[in-house]
């Protein structure tokens, strides 16, 4: 499965759900929000949401500042 994550093409051998993708990238402690094709996916749905081939995924974290 090929998807675009934060502007970079990523290829996974199997069709993973969002939680598995985040774990595979080893960034689970950093991701606070996720959007697929500009639609927000709630965190409680990450285990059941499976992106499609060529989906655009944005994984976001929030940073304090001022």
N, C-alpha and C. Protein backbone atom coordinates (compact mmCIF):
# COMPACT_ATOMS: atom_id res chain seq x y z
N UNK A 1 0.84 -1.17 0.00
CA UNK A 1 0.00 0.00 0.00
C UNK A 1 0.90 1.24 0.00
N UNK A 2 0.62 2.16 -0.90
CA UNK A 2 1.37 3.41 -0.98
C UNK A 2 0.46 4.54 -0.51
N UNK A 3 0.96 5.34 0.44
CA UNK A 3 0.26 6.53 0.92
C UNK A 3 1.26 7.68 1.00
N UNK A 4 0.74 8.87 1.12
CA UNK A 4 1.59 10.05 1.28
C UNK A 4 1.39 10.55 2.70
N UNK A 5 2.46 10.55 3.49
CA UNK A 5 2.38 10.96 4.89
C UNK A 5 3.22 12.21 5.06
N UNK A 6 2.56 13.29 5.45
CA UNK A 6 3.22 14.58 5.65
C UNK A 6 4.12 14.94 4.46
N UNK A 7 3.60 14.69 3.26
CA UNK A 7 4.30 15.07 2.03
C UNK A 7 5.30 14.06 1.50
N UNK A 8 5.50 12.94 2.21
CA UNK A 8 6.47 11.94 1.76
C UNK A 8 5.75 10.64 1.42
N UNK A 9 6.15 10.04 0.32
CA UNK A 9 5.57 8.76 -0.09
C UNK A 9 6.10 7.66 0.83
N UNK A 10 5.18 6.88 1.37
CA UNK A 10 5.53 5.73 2.21
C UNK A 10 4.85 4.50 1.63
N UNK A 11 5.57 3.39 1.61
CA UNK A 11 5.02 2.14 1.09
C UNK A 11 5.03 1.11 2.21
N UNK A 12 3.88 0.48 2.42
CA UNK A 12 3.73 -0.57 3.42
C UNK A 12 3.33 -1.85 2.70
N UNK A 13 3.84 -2.99 3.18
CA UNK A 13 3.58 -4.26 2.50
C UNK A 13 2.14 -4.72 2.66
N UNK A 14 1.47 -4.27 3.71
CA UNK A 14 0.08 -4.69 3.91
C UNK A 14 -0.79 -3.47 4.17
N UNK A 15 -2.09 -3.67 4.13
CA UNK A 15 -3.04 -2.60 4.35
C UNK A 15 -3.21 -2.38 5.85
N UNK A 16 -2.51 -1.40 6.40
CA UNK A 16 -2.51 -1.14 7.83
C UNK A 16 -3.57 -0.11 8.20
N UNK A 17 -4.01 -0.15 9.48
CA UNK A 17 -4.89 0.91 9.95
C UNK A 17 -4.01 2.08 10.41
N UNK A 18 -4.63 3.21 10.73
CA UNK A 18 -3.85 4.39 11.11
C UNK A 18 -2.97 4.15 12.32
N UNK A 19 -3.49 3.45 13.33
CA UNK A 19 -2.70 3.19 14.53
C UNK A 19 -1.46 2.37 14.18
N UNK A 20 -1.61 1.38 13.33
CA UNK A 20 -0.48 0.54 12.92
C UNK A 20 0.54 1.33 12.11
N UNK A 21 0.07 2.25 11.29
CA UNK A 21 0.99 3.10 10.52
C UNK A 21 1.81 3.96 11.46
N UNK A 22 1.14 4.59 12.43
CA UNK A 22 1.82 5.45 13.39
C UNK A 22 2.84 4.65 14.20
N UNK A 23 2.47 3.45 14.63
CA UNK A 23 3.40 2.59 15.37
C UNK A 23 4.57 2.17 14.49
N UNK A 24 4.28 1.84 13.23
CA UNK A 24 5.33 1.42 12.30
C UNK A 24 6.36 2.53 12.09
N UNK A 25 5.90 3.78 12.09
CA UNK A 25 6.79 4.92 11.92
C UNK A 25 7.49 5.31 13.22
N UNK A 26 7.10 4.65 14.31
CA UNK A 26 7.70 4.89 15.64
C UNK A 26 7.53 6.34 16.11
N UNK A 27 6.32 6.86 15.90
CA UNK A 27 6.03 8.23 16.33
C UNK A 27 4.76 8.31 17.18
N UNK A 28 4.35 7.18 17.75
CA UNK A 28 3.08 7.14 18.48
C UNK A 28 3.01 8.11 19.65
N UNK A 29 4.15 8.43 20.25
CA UNK A 29 4.14 9.36 21.38
C UNK A 29 4.10 10.82 20.93
N UNK A 30 4.22 11.09 19.63
CA UNK A 30 4.24 12.45 19.11
C UNK A 30 2.95 12.87 18.41
N UNK A 31 2.19 11.93 17.89
CA UNK A 31 1.02 12.26 17.07
C UNK A 31 -0.17 12.59 17.96
N UNK A 32 -0.74 13.77 17.74
CA UNK A 32 -1.89 14.22 18.51
C UNK A 32 -3.17 14.22 17.67
N UNK A 33 -3.02 14.38 16.36
CA UNK A 33 -4.18 14.46 15.47
C UNK A 33 -3.80 13.87 14.12
N UNK A 34 -4.84 13.44 13.40
CA UNK A 34 -4.61 12.82 12.11
C UNK A 34 -5.72 13.23 11.14
N UNK A 35 -5.31 13.55 9.92
CA UNK A 35 -6.28 13.85 8.86
C UNK A 35 -5.93 12.99 7.65
N UNK A 36 -6.97 12.46 7.01
CA UNK A 36 -6.80 11.68 5.79
C UNK A 36 -7.59 12.40 4.70
N UNK A 37 -6.89 12.81 3.66
CA UNK A 37 -7.51 13.56 2.57
C UNK A 37 -8.28 14.77 3.10
N UNK A 38 -7.66 15.46 4.06
CA UNK A 38 -8.19 16.69 4.66
C UNK A 38 -9.39 16.48 5.61
N UNK A 39 -9.72 15.24 5.91
CA UNK A 39 -10.79 14.93 6.87
C UNK A 39 -10.16 14.42 8.16
N UNK A 40 -10.52 15.04 9.28
CA UNK A 40 -9.99 14.63 10.58
C UNK A 40 -10.53 13.24 10.92
N UNK A 41 -9.64 12.38 11.42
CA UNK A 41 -10.04 11.06 11.92
C UNK A 41 -9.81 11.09 13.43
N UNK A 42 -10.88 10.89 14.19
CA UNK A 42 -10.77 10.93 15.65
C UNK A 42 -9.86 9.81 16.16
N UNK A 43 -9.14 10.12 17.22
CA UNK A 43 -8.17 9.18 17.76
C UNK A 43 -8.81 7.84 18.12
N UNK A 44 -10.04 7.86 18.61
CA UNK A 44 -10.69 6.59 18.97
C UNK A 44 -11.00 5.72 17.76
N UNK A 45 -10.87 6.28 16.56
CA UNK A 45 -11.13 5.51 15.33
C UNK A 45 -9.86 5.06 14.61
N UNK A 46 -8.69 5.43 15.13
CA UNK A 46 -7.43 5.08 14.46
C UNK A 46 -7.25 3.58 14.31
N UNK A 47 -7.72 2.79 15.27
CA UNK A 47 -7.57 1.33 15.19
C UNK A 47 -8.43 0.70 14.11
N UNK A 48 -9.51 1.36 13.74
CA UNK A 48 -10.41 0.76 12.76
C UNK A 48 -10.34 1.43 11.38
N UNK A 49 -9.71 2.58 11.29
CA UNK A 49 -9.67 3.31 10.02
C UNK A 49 -8.49 2.83 9.17
N UNK A 50 -8.80 2.30 8.00
CA UNK A 50 -7.76 1.83 7.08
C UNK A 50 -7.73 2.76 5.86
N UNK A 51 -6.63 3.48 5.69
CA UNK A 51 -6.51 4.34 4.51
C UNK A 51 -6.47 3.52 3.23
N UNK A 52 -6.81 4.17 2.14
CA UNK A 52 -6.77 3.55 0.82
C UNK A 52 -5.47 3.91 0.11
N UNK A 53 -5.17 3.16 -0.92
CA UNK A 53 -4.00 3.43 -1.77
C UNK A 53 -4.00 4.89 -2.20
N UNK A 54 -2.85 5.54 -2.09
CA UNK A 54 -2.63 6.93 -2.51
C UNK A 54 -3.33 7.98 -1.66
N UNK A 55 -3.87 7.60 -0.51
CA UNK A 55 -4.45 8.60 0.39
C UNK A 55 -3.36 9.54 0.89
N UNK A 56 -3.76 10.75 1.20
CA UNK A 56 -2.85 11.75 1.77
C UNK A 56 -3.14 11.85 3.25
N UNK A 57 -2.14 11.49 4.06
CA UNK A 57 -2.29 11.45 5.51
C UNK A 57 -1.42 12.55 6.12
N UNK A 58 -2.01 13.34 6.99
CA UNK A 58 -1.27 14.35 7.74
C UNK A 58 -1.29 13.94 9.20
N UNK A 59 -0.13 13.73 9.78
CA UNK A 59 0.01 13.39 11.19
C UNK A 59 0.55 14.63 11.89
N UNK A 60 -0.20 15.11 12.86
CA UNK A 60 0.10 16.40 13.47
C UNK A 60 0.41 16.25 14.95
N UNK A 61 1.29 17.12 15.43
CA UNK A 61 1.49 17.26 16.86
C UNK A 61 1.41 18.75 17.17
N UNK A 62 1.12 19.06 18.40
CA UNK A 62 0.95 20.46 18.79
C UNK A 62 2.16 20.90 19.59
N UNK A 63 2.61 22.11 19.28
CA UNK A 63 3.79 22.65 19.91
C UNK A 63 3.43 23.97 20.58
N UNK A 64 3.86 24.12 21.81
CA UNK A 64 3.61 25.38 22.51
C UNK A 64 4.58 26.46 22.03
N UNK A 65 4.18 27.66 22.17
CA UNK A 65 5.04 28.76 21.77
C UNK A 65 4.33 30.08 21.94
N UNK A 66 5.00 31.11 21.59
CA UNK A 66 4.32 32.38 21.77
C UNK A 66 5.01 33.51 21.09
